Amino acid sequence: MAMHQYFMGMSQLELINRAPGFFKYQPHSVAAHSWKVTQIAQFLADVEEQNGAQINWKSVYEKALNHDYTERFIGDIKTPVKYATSTLRSMLADVEESMTENFIKTEIPEQFQAAYTRRLGEGKDDTIEGKILSISDKIDLLYEAYGELEKFNPEPVFVNILQSSLEALAEFKDMASVKYLAKEILPEVFKEDFIHKDLLFDLAKSLLPDFAEVVNN
């Protein structure tokens, strides 16, 4: 019990593809996703800090780097399946939590178990750092879908993913980082040509007032 299995698990995350079961021009692994989310979270935390928020940087990095590590136990389950019913979602969460708890007890040295209980727990909480993680996760999901739509991938799931990402981001529309996204980044996104662009453009305007203000002026 000297972190060997934990380190081996990192390699497993390189082999778990996101959005399994759908045709993709560019597959994305869970490991790559975690790195991208950490990069995004780092920037969003800068935005929030510049707008007066007190940021616990250790928490930002721990939450972002580790937020999907536990997928090594159950894989990346298709989103429509994962959210099919609240009962199923709860059951999957219980299984993941149980397997994570057992993993920490059997594979993490005792003196580090408290740290990894924190790191491998649910990071999307009501703290500013938890909100930054939620936003960062959805931004990367948005870009994964956008990359497929830009290549005119006909799979309807990627339209649904981008729609759900925008809807999730709208829940945080009053945060400085989402305002920055709406004002500075999304206008650049919609300059490009991609499948169902008009539909998604109208949705973004309806969900994010700051985006609507920019594109209407």
C-alpha atoms as a PDB file:
ATOM      1  CA  MET A   1       0.000   0.000   0.000  1.00  0.00           C
ATOM      2  CA  ALA A   2       2.377   2.662  -1.237  1.00  0.00           C
ATOM      3  CA  MET A   3       0.400   4.590  -3.920  1.00  0.00           C
ATOM      4  CA  HIS A   4       1.259   2.065  -6.645  1.00  0.00           C
ATOM      5  CA  GLN A   5      -2.391   1.422  -7.573  1.00  0.00           C
ATOM      6  CA  TYR A   6      -3.177   5.131  -7.494  1.00  0.00           C
ATOM      7  CA  PHE A   7      -0.398   5.867  -9.968  1.00  0.00           C
ATOM      8  CA  MET A   8      -1.441   2.935 -12.146  1.00  0.00           C
ATOM      9  CA  GLY A   9      -4.953   4.365 -12.191  1.00  0.00           C
ATOM     10  CA  MET A  10      -3.705   7.462 -14.003  1.00  0.00           C
ATOM     11  CA  SER A  11      -2.767   5.286 -16.974  1.00  0.00           C
ATOM     12  CA  GLN A  12      -6.221   3.698 -16.912  1.00  0.00           C
ATOM     13  CA  LEU A  13      -7.797   7.148 -17.217  1.00  0.00           C
ATOM     14  CA  GLU A  14      -5.865   7.661 -20.459  1.00  0.00           C
ATOM     15  CA  LEU A  15      -7.732   4.669 -21.892  1.00  0.00           C
ATOM     16  CA  ILE A  16     -11.272   5.670 -20.866  1.00  0.00           C
ATOM     17  CA  ASN A  17     -12.922   7.598 -23.694  1.00  0.00           C
ATOM     18  CA  ARG A  18     -15.556  10.219 -22.990  1.00  0.00           C
ATOM     19  CA  ALA A  19     -19.000  10.060 -24.627  1.00  0.00           C
ATOM     20  CA  PRO A  20     -18.615   6.342 -25.359  1.00  0.00           C
ATOM     21  CA  GLY A  21     -20.760   4.748 -28.047  1.00  0.00           C
ATOM     22  CA  PHE A  22     -20.920   7.766 -30.369  1.00  0.00           C
ATOM     23  CA  PHE A  23     -18.928   8.478 -33.529  1.00  0.00           C
ATOM     24  CA  LYS A  24     -16.321  11.162 -32.888  1.00  0.00           C
ATOM     25  CA  TYR A  25     -13.738  12.727 -35.158  1.00  0.00           C
ATOM     26  CA  GLN A  26     -11.582  13.457 -32.118  1.00  0.00           C
ATOM     27  CA  PRO A  27     -11.874  11.127 -29.114  1.00  0.00           C
ATOM     28  CA  HIS A  28     -11.135  12.566 -25.667  1.00  0.00           C
ATOM     29  CA  SER A  29      -9.897  10.568 -22.699  1.00  0.00           C
ATOM     30  CA  VAL A  30     -10.846  11.176 -19.072  1.00  0.00           C
ATOM     31  CA  ALA A  31      -7.198  11.990 -18.327  1.00  0.00           C
ATOM     32  CA  ALA A  32      -7.072  14.651 -21.045  1.00  0.00           C
ATOM     33  CA  HIS A  33     -10.374  16.076 -19.847  1.00  0.00           C
ATOM     34  CA  SER A  34      -9.059  16.435 -16.294  1.00  0.00           C
ATOM     35  CA  TRP A  35      -6.001  18.329 -17.535  1.00  0.00           C
ATOM     36  CA  LYS A  36      -8.127  20.659 -19.671  1.00  0.00           C
ATOM     37  CA  VAL A  37     -10.573  21.322 -16.851  1.00  0.00           C
ATOM     38  CA  THR A  38      -7.650  22.234 -14.589  1.00  0.00           C
ATOM     39  CA  GLN A  39      -6.324  24.703 -17.176  1.00  0.00           C
ATOM     40  CA  ILE A  40      -9.769  26.261 -17.563  1.00  0.00           C
ATOM     41  CA  ALA A  41     -10.327  26.405 -13.790  1.00  0.00           C
ATOM     42  CA  GLN A  42      -6.981  28.132 -13.346  1.00  0.00           C
ATOM     43  CA  PHE A  43      -8.030  30.901 -15.727  1.00  0.00           C
ATOM     44  CA  LEU A  44     -11.545  31.247 -14.337  1.00  0.00           C
ATOM     45  CA  ALA A  45     -10.130  31.547 -10.825  1.00  0.00           C
ATOM     46  CA  ASP A  46      -7.941  34.401 -12.125  1.00  0.00           C
ATOM     47  CA  VAL A  47     -11.062  36.128 -13.458  1.00  0.00           C
ATOM     48  CA  GLU A  48     -12.937  35.680 -10.199  1.00  0.00           C
ATOM     49  CA  GLU A  49      -9.955  36.861  -8.151  1.00  0.00           C
ATOM     50  CA  GLN A  50      -9.547  39.970 -10.299  1.00  0.00           C
ATOM     51  CA  ASN A  51     -13.204  40.698  -9.614  1.00  0.00           C
ATOM     52  CA  GLY A  52     -12.784  40.599  -5.846  1.00  0.00           C
ATOM     53  CA  ALA A  53     -13.295  36.917  -4.929  1.00  0.00           C
ATOM     54  CA  GLN A  54     -11.086  35.240  -2.339  1.00  0.00           C
ATOM     55  CA  ILE A  55      -9.708  32.096  -3.995  1.00  0.00           C
ATOM     56  CA  ASN A  56      -8.319  29.040  -2.231  1.00  0.00           C
ATOM     57  CA  TRP A  57      -5.907  28.038  -4.983  1.00  0.00           C
ATOM     58  CA  LYS A  58      -5.035  24.697  -3.399  1.00  0.00           C
ATOM     59  CA  SER A  59      -8.710  23.788  -3.471  1.00  0.00           C
ATOM     60  CA  VAL A  60      -9.069  24.913  -7.110  1.00  0.00           C
ATOM     61  CA  TYR A  61      -6.268  22.631  -8.251  1.00  0.00           C
ATOM     62  CA  GLU A  62      -7.263  19.677  -6.077  1.00  0.00           C
ATOM     63  CA  LYS A  63     -10.876  19.790  -7.212  1.00  0.00           C
ATOM     64  CA  ALA A  64     -10.068  20.200 -10.900  1.00  0.00           C
ATOM     65  CA  LEU A  65      -7.284  17.622 -11.133  1.00  0.00           C
ATOM     66  CA  ASN A  66      -9.159  14.919  -9.246  1.00  0.00           C
ATOM     67  CA  HIS A  67     -12.784  15.513 -10.174  1.00  0.00           C
ATOM     68  CA  ASP A  68     -13.064  12.503 -12.507  1.00  0.00           C
ATOM     69  CA  TYR A  69     -10.410  10.197 -11.048  1.00  0.00           C
ATOM     70  CA  THR A  70     -13.103   7.893  -9.689  1.00  0.00           C
ATOM     71  CA  GLU A  71     -14.276   7.150 -13.235  1.00  0.00           C
ATOM     72  CA  ARG A  72     -11.495   4.575 -13.271  1.00  0.00           C
ATOM     73  CA  PHE A  73     -13.876   2.441 -11.188  1.00  0.00           C
ATOM     74  CA  ILE A  74     -17.059   2.676 -13.293  1.00  0.00           C
ATOM     75  CA  GLY A  75     -15.943   4.333 -16.530  1.00  0.00           C
ATOM     76  CA  ASP A  76     -17.589   7.270 -18.300  1.00  0.00           C
ATOM     77  CA  ILE A  77     -21.240   6.276 -18.599  1.00  0.00           C
ATOM     78  CA  LYS A  78     -23.266   7.771 -21.435  1.00  0.00           C
ATOM     79  CA  THR A  79     -24.961  10.963 -20.233  1.00  0.00           C
ATOM     80  CA  PRO A  80     -28.484   9.956 -21.356  1.00  0.00           C
ATOM     81  CA  VAL A  81     -28.080   6.715 -19.407  1.00  0.00           C
ATOM     82  CA  LYS A  82     -26.476   8.336 -16.366  1.00  0.00           C
ATOM     83  CA  TYR A  83     -29.353  10.805 -15.990  1.00  0.00           C
ATOM     84  CA  ALA A  84     -32.171   8.509 -17.145  1.00  0.00           C
ATOM     85  CA  THR A  85     -33.752   8.505 -13.685  1.00  0.00           C
ATOM     86  CA  SER A  86     -32.865  10.081 -10.367  1.00  0.00           C
ATOM     87  CA  THR A  87     -32.853   6.597  -8.854  1.00  0.00           C
ATOM     88  CA  LEU A  88     -30.249   5.341 -11.319  1.00  0.00           C
ATOM     89  CA  ARG A  89     -28.128   8.454 -10.851  1.00  0.00           C
ATOM     90  CA  SER A  90     -28.253   7.980  -7.080  1.00  0.00           C
ATOM     91  CA  MET A  91     -27.360   4.287  -7.383  1.00  0.00           C
ATOM     92  CA  LEU A  92     -24.351   5.056  -9.590  1.00  0.00           C
ATOM     93  CA  ALA A  93     -23.203   7.733  -7.141  1.00  0.00           C
ATOM     94  CA  ASP A  94     -23.510   5.258  -4.272  1.00  0.00           C
ATOM     95  CA  VAL A  95     -21.471   2.631  -6.141  1.00  0.00           C
ATOM     96  CA  GLU A  96     -18.778   5.149  -7.033  1.00  0.00           C
ATOM     97  CA  GLU A  97     -18.618   6.477  -3.466  1.00  0.00           C
ATOM     98  CA  SER A  98     -18.394   2.980  -2.008  1.00  0.00           C
ATOM     99  CA  MET A  99     -15.652   1.904  -4.415  1.00  0.00           C
ATOM    100  CA  THR A 100     -13.717   5.113  -3.795  1.00  0.00           C
ATOM    101  CA  GLU A 101     -13.947   4.700  -0.030  1.00  0.00           C
ATOM    102  CA  ASN A 102     -12.733   1.100  -0.259  1.00  0.00           C
ATOM    103  CA  PHE A 103      -9.918   2.114  -2.603  1.00  0.00           C
ATOM    104  CA  ILE A 104      -8.689   4.789  -0.183  1.00  0.00           C
ATOM    105  CA  LYS A 105      -8.767   2.386   2.760  1.00  0.00           C
ATOM    106  CA  THR A 106      -6.940  -0.417   0.942  1.00  0.00           C
ATOM    107  CA  GLU A 107      -4.551   1.387  -1.430  1.00  0.00           C
ATOM    108  CA  ILE A 108      -3.690   4.789   0.067  1.00  0.00           C
ATOM    109  CA  PRO A 109      -1.191   4.905   2.966  1.00  0.00           C
ATOM    110  CA  GLU A 110      -2.940   5.775   6.216  1.00  0.00           C
ATOM    111  CA  GLN A 111      -1.139   9.079   6.706  1.00  0.00           C
ATOM    112  CA  PHE A 112      -2.526  10.328   3.347  1.00  0.00           C
ATOM    113  CA  GLN A 113      -6.043   8.924   3.549  1.00  0.00           C
ATOM    114  CA  ALA A 114      -7.647  12.099   4.878  1.00  0.00           C
ATOM    115  CA  ALA A 115      -6.134  14.110   2.020  1.00  0.00           C
ATOM    116  CA  TYR A 116      -7.379  11.667  -0.621  1.00  0.00           C
ATOM    117  CA  THR A 117     -10.809  11.429   0.951  1.00  0.00           C
ATOM    118  CA  ARG A 118     -11.011  15.176   0.369  1.00  0.00           C
ATOM    119  CA  ARG A 119      -9.500  15.051  -3.114  1.00  0.00           C
ATOM    120  CA  LEU A 120     -11.582  12.177  -4.441  1.00  0.00           C
ATOM    121  CA  GLY A 121     -14.845  13.380  -2.924  1.00  0.00           C
ATOM    122  CA  GLU A 122     -17.482  15.410  -4.749  1.00  0.00           C
ATOM    123  CA  GLY A 123     -15.791  18.675  -5.722  1.00  0.00           C
ATOM    124  CA  LYS A 124     -18.793  20.504  -7.168  1.00  0.00           C
ATOM    125  CA  ASP A 125     -20.007  22.113  -3.974  1.00  0.00           C
ATOM    126  CA  ASP A 126     -21.293  25.589  -3.086  1.00  0.00           C
ATOM    127  CA  THR A 127     -17.856  27.111  -2.480  1.00  0.00           C
ATOM    128  CA  ILE A 128     -16.426  29.493  -5.065  1.00  0.00           C
ATOM    129  CA  GLU A 129     -13.886  26.783  -5.931  1.00  0.00           C
ATOM    130  CA  GLY A 130     -16.653  24.198  -6.353  1.00  0.00           C
ATOM    131  CA  LYS A 131     -18.565  26.547  -8.649  1.00  0.00           C
ATOM    132  CA  ILE A 132     -15.427  27.190 -10.685  1.00  0.00           C
ATOM    133  CA  LEU A 133     -15.059  23.422 -11.117  1.00  0.00           C
ATOM    134  CA  SER A 134     -18.679  23.091 -12.283  1.00  0.00           C
ATOM    135  CA  ILE A 135     -18.229  25.889 -14.810  1.00  0.00           C
ATOM    136  CA  SER A 136     -14.869  24.581 -16.046  1.00  0.00           C
ATOM    137  CA  ASP A 137     -16.261  21.083 -16.516  1.00  0.00           C
ATOM    138  CA  LYS A 138     -19.114  22.419 -18.653  1.00  0.00           C
ATOM    139  CA  ILE A 139     -16.832  24.669 -20.703  1.00  0.00           C
ATOM    140  CA  ASP A 140     -14.653  21.714 -21.651  1.00  0.00           C
ATOM    141  CA  LEU A 141     -17.769  19.681 -22.449  1.00  0.00           C
ATOM    142  CA  LEU A 142     -18.986  22.565 -24.611  1.00  0.00           C
ATOM    143  CA  TYR A 143     -15.698  22.622 -26.511  1.00  0.00           C
ATOM    144  CA  GLU A 144     -15.686  18.853 -27.007  1.00  0.00           C
ATOM    145  CA  ALA A 145     -19.151  19.088 -28.582  1.00  0.00           C
ATOM    146  CA  TYR A 146     -18.231  22.237 -30.512  1.00  0.00           C
ATOM    147  CA  GLY A 147     -15.212  20.493 -32.021  1.00  0.00           C
ATOM    148  CA  GLU A 148     -17.490  17.781 -33.432  1.00  0.00           C
ATOM    149  CA  LEU A 149     -20.134  20.210 -34.697  1.00  0.00           C
ATOM    150  CA  GLU A 150     -17.416  22.262 -36.398  1.00  0.00           C
ATOM    151  CA  LYS A 151     -16.516  19.111 -38.340  1.00  0.00           C
ATOM    152  CA  PHE A 152     -20.228  18.685 -39.154  1.00  0.00           C
ATOM    153  CA  ASN A 153     -20.556  15.471 -37.190  1.00  0.00           C
ATOM    154  CA  PRO A 154     -24.224  14.442 -37.759  1.00  0.00           C
ATOM    155  CA  GLU A 155     -24.576  12.723 -34.364  1.00  0.00           C
ATOM    156  CA  PRO A 156     -27.421  14.665 -32.647  1.00  0.00           C
ATOM    157  CA  VAL A 157     -25.923  13.931 -29.240  1.00  0.00           C
ATOM    158  CA  PHE A 158     -23.321  16.683 -29.723  1.00  0.00           C
ATOM    159  CA  VAL A 159     -26.022  19.304 -30.281  1.00  0.00           C
ATOM    160  CA  ASN A 160     -27.683  18.056 -27.107  1.00  0.00           C
ATOM    161  CA  ILE A 161     -24.389  18.200 -25.213  1.00  0.00           C
ATOM    162  CA  LEU A 162     -23.698  21.782 -26.290  1.00  0.00           C
ATOM    163  CA  GLN A 163     -27.275  22.760 -25.407  1.00  0.00           C
ATOM    164  CA  SER A 164     -27.036  21.195 -21.959  1.00  0.00           C
ATOM    165  CA  SER A 165     -23.635  22.843 -21.413  1.00  0.00           C
ATOM    166  CA  LEU A 166     -25.080  26.284 -22.147  1.00  0.00           C
ATOM    167  CA  GLU A 167     -28.035  25.570 -19.852  1.00  0.00           C
ATOM    168  CA  ALA A 168     -25.683  24.515 -17.045  1.00  0.00           C
ATOM    169  CA  LEU A 169     -23.497  27.595 -17.523  1.00  0.00           C
ATOM    170  CA  ALA A 170     -26.580  29.802 -17.321  1.00  0.00           C
ATOM    171  CA  GLU A 171     -27.068  28.631 -13.727  1.00  0.00           C
ATOM    172  CA  PHE A 172     -23.889  30.597 -12.907  1.00  0.00           C
ATOM    173  CA  LYS A 173     -24.576  33.587 -15.184  1.00  0.00           C
ATOM    174  CA  ASP A 174     -24.051  36.097 -12.372  1.00  0.00           C
ATOM    175  CA  MET A 175     -20.481  34.942 -11.727  1.00  0.00           C
ATOM    176  CA  ALA A 176     -17.658  37.039 -13.164  1.00  0.00           C
ATOM    177  CA  SER A 177     -16.113  34.064 -14.964  1.00  0.00           C
ATOM    178  CA  VAL A 178     -19.340  33.217 -16.831  1.00  0.00           C
ATOM    179  CA  LYS A 179     -19.840  36.878 -17.685  1.00  0.00           C
ATOM    180  CA  TYR A 180     -16.328  36.861 -19.158  1.00  0.00           C
ATOM    181  CA  LEU A 181     -17.144  33.712 -21.119  1.00  0.00           C
ATOM    182  CA  ALA A 182     -20.350  35.265 -22.440  1.00  0.00           C
ATOM    183  CA  LYS A 183     -18.788  38.596 -23.400  1.00  0.00           C
ATOM    184  CA  GLU A 184     -15.338  37.603 -24.615  1.00  0.00           C
ATOM    185  CA  ILE A 185     -15.256  33.926 -25.593  1.00  0.00           C
ATOM    186  CA  LEU A 186     -18.670  32.878 -26.917  1.00  0.00           C
ATOM    187  CA  PRO A 187     -18.720  35.650 -29.562  1.00  0.00           C
ATOM    188  CA  GLU A 188     -15.507  34.125 -30.934  1.00  0.00           C
ATOM    189  CA  VAL A 189     -17.077  30.658 -30.862  1.00  0.00           C
ATOM    190  CA  PHE A 190     -20.028  31.806 -32.948  1.00  0.00           C
ATOM    191  CA  LYS A 191     -17.845  33.490 -35.552  1.00  0.00           C
ATOM    192  CA  GLU A 192     -17.024  29.994 -36.824  1.00  0.00           C
ATOM    193  CA  ASP A 193     -19.277  27.922 -39.047  1.00  0.00           C
ATOM    194  CA  PHE A 194     -20.720  24.723 -37.573  1.00  0.00           C
ATOM    195  CA  ILE A 195     -23.784  22.527 -37.768  1.00  0.00           C
ATOM    196  CA  HIS A 196     -26.943  23.885 -36.051  1.00  0.00           C
ATOM    197  CA  LYS A 197     -25.158  27.169 -35.399  1.00  0.00           C
ATOM    198  CA  ASP A 198     -28.326  29.314 -35.619  1.00  0.00           C
ATOM    199  CA  LEU A 199     -30.211  27.138 -33.144  1.00  0.00           C
ATOM    200  CA  LEU A 200     -27.373  27.227 -30.621  1.00  0.00           C
ATOM    201  CA  PHE A 201     -26.746  30.943 -31.154  1.00  0.00           C
ATOM    202  CA  ASP A 202     -30.366  31.741 -30.302  1.00  0.00           C
ATOM    203  CA  LEU A 203     -30.200  29.462 -27.267  1.00  0.00           C
ATOM    204  CA  ALA A 204     -27.044  31.171 -25.999  1.00  0.00           C
ATOM    205  CA  LYS A 205     -28.708  34.579 -26.371  1.00  0.00           C
ATOM    206  CA  SER A 206     -31.777  33.443 -24.460  1.00  0.00           C
ATOM    207  CA  LEU A 207     -29.761  31.915 -21.613  1.00  0.00           C
ATOM    208  CA  LEU A 208     -26.908  34.391 -21.184  1.00  0.00           C
ATOM    209  CA  PRO A 209     -27.910  38.080 -21.070  1.00  0.00           C
ATOM    210  CA  ASP A 210     -24.285  39.249 -21.294  1.00  0.00           C
ATOM    211  CA  PHE A 211     -23.827  37.328 -24.549  1.00  0.00           C
ATOM    212  CA  ALA A 212     -27.074  38.745 -25.940  1.00  0.00           C
ATOM    213  CA  GLU A 213     -25.936  42.264 -25.051  1.00  0.00           C
ATOM    214  CA  VAL A 214     -22.656  41.869 -26.902  1.00  0.00           C
ATOM    215  CA  VAL A 215     -24.039  40.344 -30.090  1.00  0.00           C
ATOM    216  CA  ASN A 216     -26.995  42.744 -30.267  1.00  0.00           C
ATOM    217  CA  ASN A 217     -24.762  45.839 -30.135  1.00  0.00           C
END
